[in-house]
């Protein structure tokens, strides 16, 4: 079976050992992974309790899926003082999509690079990495900027981003969905730096598409 283009996310929960309510955290992570399955047709798996891996058929959607996953986890945070988040390493490249939810059958260099990139994140404060078949310093820098923005999201900012990333709705429609005033939605999107995140995701998606379609 020939390899196909994939986007692979490998992640783990930040500071999971310090989290007291592991039952609620487990439910939040299950809900997040289930969302990626339904939203992107992804294959997902969990390991070592707080670790997870996601494979998508569309590499161009991989970083959007990663941002959505972090928005979902932050949205589930129990309080302002205890914010749940994840380190996620996104890799795009060639590999085999797992036939089942278990990733034992998954292989390809894209899985290796994703895992290695997550290992590299473990020693610092950065929570996002983007691994391409060939290094791209510009996209790596933009990804660190996006990560810095996301690390500043509050529960409210994450909630509005959670819905905005799933539905290309107007602020008025989001306000109706969330039962909030439109001015409140505007303020929360502004706090989340939505225009910059949207531009980043559009740009990285276009660059990944160009990279994957380039002659090899």
N, C-alpha and C. Protein backbone atom coordinates (compact mmCIF):
# COMPACT_ATOMS: atom_id res chain seq x y z
N UNK A 1 0.85 -1.19 0.00
CA UNK A 1 0.00 0.00 0.00
C UNK A 1 0.89 1.24 0.00
N UNK A 2 0.65 2.14 -0.94
CA UNK A 2 1.48 3.33 -1.06
C UNK A 2 1.15 4.34 0.02
N UNK A 3 2.16 5.15 0.34
CA UNK A 3 1.96 6.19 1.34
C UNK A 3 1.16 7.34 0.74
N UNK A 4 0.43 8.04 1.60
CA UNK A 4 -0.39 9.16 1.17
C UNK A 4 -0.05 10.39 2.02
N UNK A 5 -0.36 11.60 1.53
CA UNK A 5 -0.13 12.80 2.33
C UNK A 5 -0.99 12.79 3.59
N UNK A 6 -0.38 13.11 4.71
CA UNK A 6 -1.08 13.12 5.99
C UNK A 6 -0.65 14.33 6.81
N UNK A 7 -1.53 14.72 7.71
CA UNK A 7 -1.17 15.62 8.80
C UNK A 7 -1.27 14.84 10.09
N UNK A 8 -0.23 14.87 10.90
CA UNK A 8 -0.20 14.10 12.15
C UNK A 8 0.04 15.04 13.33
N UNK A 9 -0.81 14.94 14.33
CA UNK A 9 -0.68 15.72 15.56
C UNK A 9 -0.31 14.77 16.68
N UNK A 10 0.77 15.05 17.38
CA UNK A 10 1.14 14.29 18.57
C UNK A 10 1.17 15.27 19.73
N UNK A 11 0.47 14.94 20.80
CA UNK A 11 0.36 15.91 21.88
C UNK A 11 0.26 15.30 23.25
N UNK A 12 0.40 16.14 24.26
CA UNK A 12 0.15 15.74 25.63
C UNK A 12 -0.34 16.94 26.43
N UNK A 13 -0.99 16.66 27.55
CA UNK A 13 -1.55 17.71 28.38
C UNK A 13 -0.45 18.38 29.19
N UNK A 14 -0.47 19.70 29.24
CA UNK A 14 0.52 20.46 29.99
C UNK A 14 0.24 20.31 31.49
N UNK A 15 1.27 19.92 32.25
CA UNK A 15 1.15 19.85 33.71
C UNK A 15 0.08 18.89 34.20
N UNK A 16 -0.10 17.77 33.53
CA UNK A 16 -1.20 16.86 33.89
C UNK A 16 -1.04 16.29 35.30
N UNK A 17 0.18 16.15 35.78
CA UNK A 17 0.38 15.60 37.12
C UNK A 17 -0.11 16.53 38.21
N UNK A 18 -0.22 17.83 37.88
CA UNK A 18 -0.68 18.80 38.88
C UNK A 18 -2.20 18.97 38.85
N UNK A 19 -2.87 18.31 37.91
CA UNK A 19 -4.33 18.44 37.79
C UNK A 19 -5.01 17.45 38.73
N UNK A 20 -5.90 17.94 39.55
CA UNK A 20 -6.55 17.10 40.56
C UNK A 20 -7.71 16.29 39.99
N UNK A 21 -8.54 16.93 39.17
CA UNK A 21 -9.75 16.27 38.67
C UNK A 21 -9.45 15.54 37.36
N UNK A 22 -8.84 14.37 37.47
CA UNK A 22 -8.46 13.64 36.26
C UNK A 22 -9.66 13.07 35.52
N UNK A 23 -10.74 12.83 36.24
CA UNK A 23 -11.95 12.34 35.56
C UNK A 23 -12.48 13.39 34.61
N UNK A 24 -12.55 14.62 35.09
CA UNK A 24 -13.04 15.72 34.24
C UNK A 24 -12.06 15.98 33.09
N UNK A 25 -10.77 15.92 33.38
CA UNK A 25 -9.76 16.11 32.33
C UNK A 25 -9.88 15.03 31.26
N UNK A 26 -10.08 13.80 31.69
CA UNK A 26 -10.22 12.69 30.75
C UNK A 26 -11.44 12.91 29.85
N UNK A 27 -12.52 13.38 30.44
CA UNK A 27 -13.73 13.65 29.65
C UNK A 27 -13.49 14.78 28.66
N UNK A 28 -12.76 15.81 29.09
CA UNK A 28 -12.46 16.93 28.21
C UNK A 28 -11.60 16.48 27.03
N UNK A 29 -10.61 15.64 27.29
CA UNK A 29 -9.74 15.17 26.21
C UNK A 29 -10.50 14.26 25.26
N UNK A 30 -11.35 13.39 25.80
CA UNK A 30 -12.17 12.52 24.95
C UNK A 30 -13.09 13.36 24.07
N UNK A 31 -13.70 14.39 24.65
CA UNK A 31 -14.58 15.27 23.88
C UNK A 31 -13.80 15.99 22.77
N UNK A 32 -12.59 16.43 23.10
CA UNK A 32 -11.75 17.14 22.12
C UNK A 32 -11.39 16.24 20.96
N UNK A 33 -10.94 15.03 21.25
CA UNK A 33 -10.55 14.09 20.19
C UNK A 33 -11.77 13.66 19.37
N UNK A 34 -12.91 13.50 20.03
CA UNK A 34 -14.13 13.18 19.30
C UNK A 34 -14.52 14.28 18.34
N UNK A 35 -14.29 15.53 18.75
CA UNK A 35 -14.57 16.67 17.87
C UNK A 35 -13.70 16.62 16.63
N UNK A 36 -12.42 16.30 16.78
CA UNK A 36 -11.53 16.22 15.62
C UNK A 36 -11.95 15.07 14.70
N UNK A 37 -12.44 13.99 15.27
CA UNK A 37 -12.95 12.89 14.44
C UNK A 37 -14.12 13.35 13.58
N UNK A 38 -15.07 14.03 14.22
CA UNK A 38 -16.28 14.42 13.49
C UNK A 38 -16.03 15.60 12.56
N UNK A 39 -15.17 16.53 12.97
CA UNK A 39 -14.94 17.74 12.18
C UNK A 39 -14.04 17.48 10.97
N UNK A 40 -13.06 16.59 11.12
CA UNK A 40 -12.06 16.40 10.06
C UNK A 40 -11.96 14.96 9.56
N UNK A 41 -12.79 14.07 10.09
CA UNK A 41 -12.66 12.67 9.71
C UNK A 41 -11.34 12.09 10.15
N UNK A 42 -10.82 12.58 11.28
CA UNK A 42 -9.50 12.17 11.75
C UNK A 42 -9.55 10.80 12.41
N UNK A 43 -8.40 10.15 12.45
CA UNK A 43 -8.21 8.95 13.26
C UNK A 43 -7.45 9.38 14.51
N UNK A 44 -7.89 8.92 15.67
CA UNK A 44 -7.29 9.37 16.92
C UNK A 44 -6.92 8.18 17.81
N UNK A 45 -5.95 8.42 18.68
CA UNK A 45 -5.55 7.41 19.65
C UNK A 45 -4.98 8.11 20.87
N UNK A 46 -5.03 7.44 22.00
CA UNK A 46 -4.48 7.97 23.24
C UNK A 46 -3.43 7.02 23.77
N UNK A 47 -2.46 7.58 24.50
CA UNK A 47 -1.43 6.75 25.11
C UNK A 47 -0.93 7.41 26.39
N UNK A 48 -0.46 6.61 27.32
CA UNK A 48 0.07 7.10 28.61
C UNK A 48 -0.88 8.05 29.31
N UNK A 49 -2.16 7.86 29.15
CA UNK A 49 -3.14 8.65 29.89
C UNK A 49 -3.39 10.03 29.32
N UNK A 50 -2.35 10.88 29.30
CA UNK A 50 -2.56 12.26 28.86
C UNK A 50 -1.98 12.54 27.49
N UNK A 51 -1.48 11.51 26.82
CA UNK A 51 -0.92 11.69 25.48
C UNK A 51 -1.92 11.29 24.41
N UNK A 52 -1.76 11.85 23.22
CA UNK A 52 -2.69 11.51 22.13
C UNK A 52 -2.00 11.72 20.78
N UNK A 53 -2.57 11.06 19.78
CA UNK A 53 -2.09 11.24 18.42
C UNK A 53 -3.29 11.26 17.48
N UNK A 54 -3.20 12.12 16.47
CA UNK A 54 -4.29 12.34 15.53
C UNK A 54 -3.71 12.32 14.12
N UNK A 55 -4.37 11.62 13.21
CA UNK A 55 -3.95 11.59 11.81
C UNK A 55 -5.09 12.09 10.94
N UNK A 56 -4.78 13.02 10.03
CA UNK A 56 -5.76 13.60 9.12
C UNK A 56 -5.35 13.35 7.68
N UNK A 57 -6.34 13.10 6.85
CA UNK A 57 -6.07 12.89 5.43
C UNK A 57 -5.67 14.18 4.72
N UNK A 58 -6.04 15.32 5.30
CA UNK A 58 -5.73 16.61 4.69
C UNK A 58 -4.65 17.33 5.49
N UNK A 59 -3.40 17.31 5.04
CA UNK A 59 -2.33 18.00 5.77
C UNK A 59 -2.62 19.48 5.96
N UNK A 60 -3.30 20.10 5.00
CA UNK A 60 -3.55 21.54 5.07
C UNK A 60 -4.45 21.91 6.25
N UNK A 61 -5.21 20.95 6.77
CA UNK A 61 -6.10 21.22 7.90
C UNK A 61 -5.46 20.93 9.25
N UNK A 62 -4.23 20.43 9.24
CA UNK A 62 -3.62 19.93 10.47
C UNK A 62 -3.45 21.02 11.52
N UNK A 63 -2.96 22.18 11.13
CA UNK A 63 -2.73 23.22 12.13
C UNK A 63 -4.04 23.81 12.64
N UNK A 64 -5.05 23.92 11.77
CA UNK A 64 -6.36 24.38 12.24
C UNK A 64 -6.93 23.40 13.26
N UNK A 65 -6.75 22.10 13.00
CA UNK A 65 -7.21 21.08 13.94
C UNK A 65 -6.48 21.21 15.28
N UNK A 66 -5.20 21.54 15.23
CA UNK A 66 -4.43 21.69 16.46
C UNK A 66 -4.90 22.90 17.26
N UNK A 67 -5.17 24.00 16.58
CA UNK A 67 -5.66 25.20 17.27
C UNK A 67 -7.04 24.92 17.88
N UNK A 68 -7.89 24.22 17.14
CA UNK A 68 -9.21 23.87 17.66
C UNK A 68 -9.09 22.98 18.88
N UNK A 69 -8.16 22.05 18.86
CA UNK A 69 -7.97 21.15 20.01
C UNK A 69 -7.57 21.95 21.25
N UNK A 70 -6.67 22.91 21.08
CA UNK A 70 -6.26 23.71 22.23
C UNK A 70 -7.40 24.61 22.71
N UNK A 71 -8.17 25.16 21.79
CA UNK A 71 -9.32 25.98 22.18
C UNK A 71 -10.32 25.14 22.99
N UNK A 72 -10.53 23.91 22.56
CA UNK A 72 -11.47 23.03 23.26
C UNK A 72 -11.00 22.74 24.68
N UNK A 73 -9.71 22.45 24.84
CA UNK A 73 -9.19 22.14 26.17
C UNK A 73 -9.23 23.36 27.09
N UNK A 74 -8.80 24.51 26.59
CA UNK A 74 -8.83 25.72 27.40
C UNK A 74 -10.27 26.05 27.80
N UNK A 75 -11.19 25.83 26.88
CA UNK A 75 -12.62 26.08 27.15
C UNK A 75 -13.12 25.22 28.30
N UNK A 76 -12.57 24.02 28.44
CA UNK A 76 -13.00 23.11 29.51
C UNK A 76 -12.29 23.37 30.84
N UNK A 77 -11.38 24.34 30.88
CA UNK A 77 -10.62 24.61 32.10
C UNK A 77 -11.54 24.88 33.27
N UNK A 78 -11.21 24.36 34.45
CA UNK A 78 -12.11 24.53 35.60
C UNK A 78 -12.14 25.93 36.19
N UNK A 79 -11.08 26.72 36.00
CA UNK A 79 -11.05 28.06 36.57
C UNK A 79 -10.00 28.90 35.85
N UNK A 80 -10.01 30.20 36.15
CA UNK A 80 -9.01 31.09 35.56
C UNK A 80 -7.60 30.76 36.06
N UNK A 81 -7.51 30.26 37.27
CA UNK A 81 -6.21 29.95 37.84
C UNK A 81 -5.68 28.60 37.37
N UNK A 82 -6.56 27.74 36.88
CA UNK A 82 -6.15 26.42 36.40
C UNK A 82 -6.60 26.27 34.94
N UNK A 83 -5.70 26.57 34.04
CA UNK A 83 -6.00 26.50 32.61
C UNK A 83 -5.46 25.20 32.03
N UNK A 84 -6.32 24.45 31.38
CA UNK A 84 -5.89 23.22 30.73
C UNK A 84 -5.46 23.54 29.31
N UNK A 85 -4.33 22.98 28.90
CA UNK A 85 -3.81 23.21 27.56
C UNK A 85 -3.00 21.99 27.16
N UNK A 86 -2.53 21.98 25.94
CA UNK A 86 -1.73 20.85 25.45
C UNK A 86 -0.56 21.35 24.63
N UNK A 87 0.53 20.60 24.71
CA UNK A 87 1.62 20.75 23.74
C UNK A 87 1.24 19.89 22.54
N UNK A 88 1.32 20.46 21.35
CA UNK A 88 0.96 19.71 20.15
C UNK A 88 2.03 19.94 19.08
N UNK A 89 2.58 18.86 18.57
CA UNK A 89 3.54 18.92 17.47
C UNK A 89 2.83 18.43 16.21
N UNK A 90 2.77 19.29 15.22
CA UNK A 90 2.11 18.99 13.95
C UNK A 90 3.18 18.67 12.92
N UNK A 91 3.03 17.55 12.24
CA UNK A 91 3.93 17.20 11.15
C UNK A 91 3.10 16.88 9.91
N UNK A 92 3.60 17.28 8.76
CA UNK A 92 2.94 16.92 7.50
C UNK A 92 3.95 16.17 6.64
N UNK A 93 3.44 15.20 5.90
CA UNK A 93 4.32 14.37 5.07
C UNK A 93 3.59 13.14 4.61
N UNK A 94 4.34 12.11 4.29
CA UNK A 94 3.77 10.89 3.77
C UNK A 94 3.72 9.80 4.84
N UNK A 95 2.66 9.01 4.80
CA UNK A 95 2.52 7.91 5.74
C UNK A 95 1.27 7.12 5.43
N UNK A 96 0.99 6.16 6.29
CA UNK A 96 -0.20 5.33 6.14
C UNK A 96 -1.23 5.72 7.19
N UNK A 97 -2.45 5.95 6.78
CA UNK A 97 -3.53 6.26 7.72
C UNK A 97 -3.90 4.98 8.46
N UNK A 98 -3.96 5.03 9.80
CA UNK A 98 -4.31 3.82 10.56
C UNK A 98 -5.67 3.29 10.14
N UNK A 99 -5.81 1.98 10.09
CA UNK A 99 -7.07 1.37 9.69
C UNK A 99 -8.08 1.39 10.83
N UNK A 100 -7.61 1.48 12.05
CA UNK A 100 -8.50 1.52 13.21
C UNK A 100 -8.03 2.66 14.11
N UNK A 101 -8.69 2.80 15.25
CA UNK A 101 -8.30 3.84 16.18
C UNK A 101 -6.93 3.58 16.79
N UNK A 102 -6.50 2.31 16.82
CA UNK A 102 -5.19 2.00 17.36
C UNK A 102 -4.13 2.33 16.32
N UNK A 103 -3.07 2.98 16.75
CA UNK A 103 -2.06 3.46 15.84
C UNK A 103 -0.89 2.49 15.68
N UNK A 104 -1.04 1.27 16.18
CA UNK A 104 0.05 0.31 16.07
C UNK A 104 0.41 0.04 14.61
N UNK A 105 -0.59 0.14 13.72
CA UNK A 105 -0.35 -0.12 12.30
C UNK A 105 0.14 1.11 11.56
N UNK A 106 0.18 2.26 12.23
CA UNK A 106 0.57 3.50 11.57
C UNK A 106 2.08 3.53 11.37
N UNK A 107 2.51 3.91 10.17
CA UNK A 107 3.94 4.05 9.94
C UNK A 107 4.19 5.11 8.89
N UNK A 108 5.41 5.55 8.83
CA UNK A 108 5.79 6.61 7.91
C UNK A 108 6.59 7.66 8.65
N UNK A 109 7.45 8.35 7.91
CA UNK A 109 8.33 9.32 8.54
C UNK A 109 7.56 10.47 9.19
N UNK A 110 6.34 10.75 8.73
CA UNK A 110 5.57 11.85 9.30
C UNK A 110 5.24 11.59 10.78
N UNK A 111 5.00 10.32 11.14
CA UNK A 111 4.73 9.98 12.54
C UNK A 111 6.00 10.17 13.38
N UNK A 112 7.12 9.77 12.83
CA UNK A 112 8.39 9.90 13.54
C UNK A 112 8.70 11.37 13.80
N UNK A 113 8.56 12.20 12.78
CA UNK A 113 8.86 13.63 12.93
C UNK A 113 7.93 14.30 13.92
N UNK A 114 6.66 13.92 13.91
CA UNK A 114 5.70 14.50 14.85
C UNK A 114 6.10 14.16 16.29
N UNK A 115 6.45 12.90 16.53
CA UNK A 115 6.87 12.49 17.87
C UNK A 115 8.15 13.17 18.31
N UNK A 116 9.10 13.28 17.40
CA UNK A 116 10.36 13.95 17.73
C UNK A 116 10.14 15.43 18.04
N UNK A 117 9.25 16.06 17.29
CA UNK A 117 8.96 17.47 17.53
C UNK A 117 8.30 17.68 18.89
N UNK A 118 7.44 16.74 19.30
CA UNK A 118 6.83 16.86 20.64
C UNK A 118 7.89 16.68 21.71
N UNK A 119 8.81 15.75 21.53
CA UNK A 119 9.89 15.56 22.51
C UNK A 119 10.69 16.85 22.67
N UNK A 120 10.91 17.55 21.55
CA UNK A 120 11.68 18.79 21.59
C UNK A 120 10.94 19.89 22.35
N UNK A 121 9.60 19.84 22.35
CA UNK A 121 8.80 20.84 23.07
C UNK A 121 8.83 20.63 24.58
N UNK A 122 9.08 19.41 25.00
CA UNK A 122 8.92 19.06 26.41
C UNK A 122 9.85 19.83 27.34
N UNK A 123 10.95 20.31 26.82
CA UNK A 123 11.90 20.97 27.69
C UNK A 123 11.74 22.48 27.83
N UNK A 124 10.73 23.07 27.19
CA UNK A 124 10.59 24.53 27.23
C UNK A 124 9.15 24.97 27.44
N UNK A 125 8.92 26.25 27.19
CA UNK A 125 7.60 26.83 27.39
C UNK A 125 6.74 26.83 26.13
N UNK A 126 7.33 26.54 24.99
CA UNK A 126 6.59 26.53 23.73
C UNK A 126 5.66 25.33 23.67
N UNK A 127 4.46 25.55 23.11
CA UNK A 127 3.45 24.48 23.08
C UNK A 127 3.02 24.09 21.68
N UNK A 128 3.60 24.70 20.68
CA UNK A 128 3.30 24.35 19.29
C UNK A 128 4.59 24.11 18.54
N UNK A 129 4.56 23.14 17.64
CA UNK A 129 5.66 22.94 16.70
C UNK A 129 5.06 22.51 15.37
N UNK A 130 5.71 22.92 14.29
CA UNK A 130 5.29 22.53 12.94
C UNK A 130 6.49 21.92 12.24
N UNK A 131 6.39 20.64 11.91
CA UNK A 131 7.47 19.92 11.25
C UNK A 131 7.08 19.64 9.81
N UNK A 132 7.88 20.16 8.88
CA UNK A 132 7.66 19.98 7.46
C UNK A 132 8.72 19.03 6.88
N UNK A 133 8.48 18.49 5.69
CA UNK A 133 9.50 17.61 5.09
C UNK A 133 10.86 18.28 4.98
N UNK A 134 10.88 19.58 4.74
CA UNK A 134 12.10 20.37 4.75
C UNK A 134 11.88 21.55 5.69
N UNK A 135 12.86 21.88 6.54
CA UNK A 135 12.68 22.98 7.51
C UNK A 135 12.31 24.29 6.83
N UNK A 136 11.42 25.04 7.48
CA UNK A 136 11.00 26.35 6.99
C UNK A 136 11.01 27.30 8.18
N UNK A 137 12.08 28.09 8.27
CA UNK A 137 12.25 28.96 9.43
C UNK A 137 11.14 29.99 9.56
N UNK A 138 10.63 30.49 8.43
CA UNK A 138 9.59 31.51 8.47
C UNK A 138 8.31 30.96 9.09
N UNK A 139 7.88 29.78 8.65
CA UNK A 139 6.66 29.18 9.21
C UNK A 139 6.87 28.78 10.67
N UNK A 140 8.07 28.34 11.00
CA UNK A 140 8.36 27.99 12.40
C UNK A 140 8.23 29.22 13.29
N UNK A 141 8.72 30.36 12.82
CA UNK A 141 8.63 31.59 13.59
C UNK A 141 7.18 32.04 13.74
N UNK A 142 6.41 31.99 12.65
CA UNK A 142 5.00 32.37 12.71
C UNK A 142 4.24 31.46 13.68
N UNK A 143 4.61 30.19 13.70
CA UNK A 143 3.94 29.24 14.60
C UNK A 143 4.23 29.57 16.05
N UNK A 144 5.44 30.03 16.35
CA UNK A 144 5.75 30.44 17.73
C UNK A 144 4.95 31.68 18.13
N UNK A 145 4.76 32.60 17.18
CA UNK A 145 3.93 33.77 17.46
C UNK A 145 2.48 33.34 17.75
N UNK A 146 1.95 32.43 16.93
CA UNK A 146 0.58 31.94 17.14
C UNK A 146 0.46 31.27 18.50
N UNK A 147 1.47 30.50 18.87
CA UNK A 147 1.46 29.84 20.17
C UNK A 147 1.44 30.85 21.31
N UNK A 148 2.21 31.92 21.19
CA UNK A 148 2.24 32.95 22.23
C UNK A 148 0.86 33.58 22.41
N UNK A 149 0.14 33.76 21.32
CA UNK A 149 -1.22 34.31 21.40
C UNK A 149 -2.14 33.33 22.12
N UNK A 150 -2.09 32.08 21.72
CA UNK A 150 -3.00 31.07 22.27
C UNK A 150 -2.74 30.85 23.76
N UNK A 151 -1.49 30.91 24.16
CA UNK A 151 -1.19 30.74 25.58
C UNK A 151 -1.81 31.84 26.44
N UNK A 152 -2.18 32.96 25.82
CA UNK A 152 -2.82 34.04 26.55
C UNK A 152 -4.34 33.99 26.54
N UNK A 153 -4.93 32.98 25.90
CA UNK A 153 -6.38 32.89 25.84
C UNK A 153 -6.98 32.61 27.21
N UNK A 154 -8.05 33.31 27.52
CA UNK A 154 -8.87 33.00 28.69
C UNK A 154 -9.92 31.96 28.28
N UNK A 155 -10.66 31.49 29.29
CA UNK A 155 -11.77 30.56 29.01
C UNK A 155 -12.75 31.17 28.01
N UNK A 156 -13.11 32.44 28.22
CA UNK A 156 -14.09 33.09 27.35
C UNK A 156 -13.57 33.26 25.92
N UNK A 157 -12.30 33.65 25.79
CA UNK A 157 -11.72 33.79 24.46
C UNK A 157 -11.67 32.44 23.76
N UNK A 158 -11.28 31.39 24.50
CA UNK A 158 -11.20 30.06 23.91
C UNK A 158 -12.57 29.56 23.48
N UNK A 159 -13.59 29.88 24.26
CA UNK A 159 -14.94 29.41 23.92
C UNK A 159 -15.40 29.99 22.59
N UNK A 160 -15.22 31.29 22.39
CA UNK A 160 -15.68 31.89 21.14
C UNK A 160 -14.82 31.41 19.96
N UNK A 161 -13.53 31.16 20.21
CA UNK A 161 -12.69 30.61 19.15
C UNK A 161 -13.06 29.16 18.83
N UNK A 162 -13.45 28.42 19.84
CA UNK A 162 -13.90 27.03 19.68
C UNK A 162 -15.04 26.96 18.66
N UNK A 163 -16.00 27.87 18.79
CA UNK A 163 -17.14 27.87 17.88
C UNK A 163 -16.79 28.51 16.54
N UNK A 164 -15.97 29.55 16.55
CA UNK A 164 -15.63 30.22 15.30
C UNK A 164 -14.80 29.34 14.38
N UNK A 165 -13.94 28.51 14.95
CA UNK A 165 -13.13 27.61 14.13
C UNK A 165 -13.95 26.48 13.51
N UNK A 166 -15.08 26.17 14.12
CA UNK A 166 -15.94 25.12 13.57
C UNK A 166 -16.93 25.66 12.55
N UNK A 167 -17.37 26.91 12.75
CA UNK A 167 -18.43 27.48 11.91
C UNK A 167 -18.01 28.86 11.43
N UNK A 168 -18.01 29.04 10.13
CA UNK A 168 -17.65 30.35 9.57
C UNK A 168 -18.84 31.29 9.68
N UNK A 169 -19.14 31.68 10.92
CA UNK A 169 -20.32 32.48 11.20
C UNK A 169 -19.97 33.93 11.45
N UNK A 170 -20.95 34.79 11.26
CA UNK A 170 -20.78 36.20 11.61
C UNK A 170 -20.79 36.35 13.12
N UNK A 171 -20.37 37.50 13.58
CA UNK A 171 -20.41 37.77 15.01
C UNK A 171 -21.85 37.73 15.53
N UNK A 172 -22.78 38.17 14.72
CA UNK A 172 -24.19 38.14 15.13
C UNK A 172 -24.66 36.71 15.32
N UNK A 173 -24.27 35.82 14.39
CA UNK A 173 -24.67 34.42 14.50
C UNK A 173 -24.01 33.76 15.70
N UNK A 174 -22.74 34.08 15.96
CA UNK A 174 -22.06 33.55 17.13
C UNK A 174 -22.72 34.04 18.41
N UNK A 175 -23.11 35.29 18.42
CA UNK A 175 -23.78 35.84 19.59
C UNK A 175 -25.08 35.09 19.88
N UNK A 176 -25.83 34.80 18.83
CA UNK A 176 -27.08 34.05 19.00
C UNK A 176 -26.81 32.63 19.49
N UNK A 177 -25.77 32.00 18.93
CA UNK A 177 -25.42 30.63 19.32
C UNK A 177 -25.04 30.56 20.80
N UNK A 178 -24.29 31.56 21.27
CA UNK A 178 -23.78 31.54 22.63
C UNK A 178 -24.66 32.28 23.63
N UNK A 179 -25.73 32.92 23.12
CA UNK A 179 -26.61 33.65 24.01
C UNK A 179 -25.94 34.86 24.63
N UNK A 180 -25.10 35.54 23.83
CA UNK A 180 -24.38 36.72 24.30
C UNK A 180 -24.67 37.91 23.41
N UNK A 181 -24.35 39.09 23.90
CA UNK A 181 -24.48 40.29 23.08
C UNK A 181 -23.40 40.27 21.99
N UNK A 182 -23.72 40.84 20.84
CA UNK A 182 -22.73 40.88 19.76
C UNK A 182 -21.48 41.63 20.18
N UNK A 183 -21.65 42.67 20.98
CA UNK A 183 -20.49 43.43 21.46
C UNK A 183 -19.56 42.56 22.30
N UNK A 184 -20.15 41.62 23.05
CA UNK A 184 -19.35 40.71 23.87
C UNK A 184 -18.54 39.77 22.98
N UNK A 185 -19.18 39.26 21.94
CA UNK A 185 -18.48 38.37 21.00
C UNK A 185 -17.34 39.12 20.32
N UNK A 186 -17.61 40.36 19.93
CA UNK A 186 -16.57 41.17 19.29
C UNK A 186 -15.37 41.35 20.24
N UNK A 187 -15.65 41.64 21.48
CA UNK A 187 -14.57 41.84 22.46
C UNK A 187 -13.76 40.57 22.66
N UNK A 188 -14.45 39.43 22.70
CA UNK A 188 -13.73 38.18 22.95
C UNK A 188 -12.93 37.74 21.73
N UNK A 189 -13.45 37.96 20.54
CA UNK A 189 -12.67 37.67 19.33
C UNK A 189 -11.44 38.58 19.26
N UNK A 190 -11.62 39.83 19.65
CA UNK A 190 -10.49 40.76 19.66
C UNK A 190 -9.45 40.31 20.69
N UNK A 191 -9.90 39.88 21.86
CA UNK A 191 -8.98 39.42 22.90
C UNK A 191 -8.22 38.18 22.45
N UNK A 192 -8.88 37.33 21.68
CA UNK A 192 -8.24 36.11 21.17
C UNK A 192 -7.35 36.36 19.97
N UNK A 193 -7.33 37.61 19.47
CA UNK A 193 -6.56 37.99 18.28
C UNK A 193 -7.00 37.15 17.07
N UNK A 194 -8.33 37.01 16.92
CA UNK A 194 -8.86 36.19 15.86
C UNK A 194 -8.38 36.59 14.46
N UNK A 195 -8.35 37.87 14.08
CA UNK A 195 -7.89 38.19 12.73
C UNK A 195 -6.48 37.68 12.44
N UNK A 196 -5.58 37.79 13.43
CA UNK A 196 -4.21 37.30 13.24
C UNK A 196 -4.17 35.78 13.17
N UNK A 197 -4.93 35.11 14.03
CA UNK A 197 -4.97 33.65 14.00
C UNK A 197 -5.56 33.17 12.68
N UNK A 198 -6.60 33.84 12.21
CA UNK A 198 -7.21 33.46 10.93
C UNK A 198 -6.21 33.62 9.79
N UNK A 199 -5.49 34.74 9.76
CA UNK A 199 -4.49 34.95 8.71
C UNK A 199 -3.38 33.91 8.79
N UNK A 200 -2.96 33.60 10.01
CA UNK A 200 -1.91 32.59 10.18
C UNK A 200 -2.38 31.24 9.64
N UNK A 201 -3.58 30.82 10.02
CA UNK A 201 -4.09 29.51 9.59
C UNK A 201 -4.27 29.46 8.08
N UNK A 202 -4.75 30.54 7.49
CA UNK A 202 -4.90 30.58 6.03
C UNK A 202 -3.53 30.47 5.35
N UNK A 203 -2.58 31.23 5.86
CA UNK A 203 -1.24 31.22 5.26
C UNK A 203 -0.57 29.86 5.40
N UNK A 204 -0.61 29.28 6.60
CA UNK A 204 0.07 28.00 6.80
C UNK A 204 -0.61 26.90 5.99
N UNK A 205 -1.93 26.98 5.85
CA UNK A 205 -2.65 26.00 5.03
C UNK A 205 -2.22 26.08 3.57
N UNK A 206 -2.11 27.29 3.07
CA UNK A 206 -1.67 27.48 1.68
C UNK A 206 -0.25 27.01 1.46
N UNK A 207 0.63 27.30 2.42
CA UNK A 207 2.03 26.88 2.28
C UNK A 207 2.15 25.36 2.35
N UNK A 208 1.41 24.72 3.24
CA UNK A 208 1.45 23.27 3.34
C UNK A 208 0.95 22.64 2.05
N UNK A 209 -0.14 23.18 1.50
CA UNK A 209 -0.66 22.65 0.23
C UNK A 209 0.39 22.76 -0.86
N UNK A 210 1.06 23.90 -0.95
CA UNK A 210 2.09 24.07 -1.97
C UNK A 210 3.24 23.09 -1.77
N UNK A 211 3.64 22.89 -0.52
CA UNK A 211 4.74 21.98 -0.23
C UNK A 211 4.38 20.54 -0.60
N UNK A 212 3.17 20.13 -0.25
CA UNK A 212 2.77 18.74 -0.51
C UNK A 212 2.52 18.48 -1.99
N UNK A 213 2.19 19.53 -2.74
CA UNK A 213 1.92 19.35 -4.18
C UNK A 213 3.16 19.56 -5.04
N UNK A 214 4.25 20.01 -4.44
CA UNK A 214 5.48 20.25 -5.20
C UNK A 214 6.05 18.92 -5.69
N UNK A 215 6.67 18.91 -6.87
CA UNK A 215 7.30 17.68 -7.40
C UNK A 215 8.36 17.17 -6.44
N UNK A 216 8.47 15.87 -6.32
CA UNK A 216 9.45 15.26 -5.40
C UNK A 216 10.54 14.59 -6.22
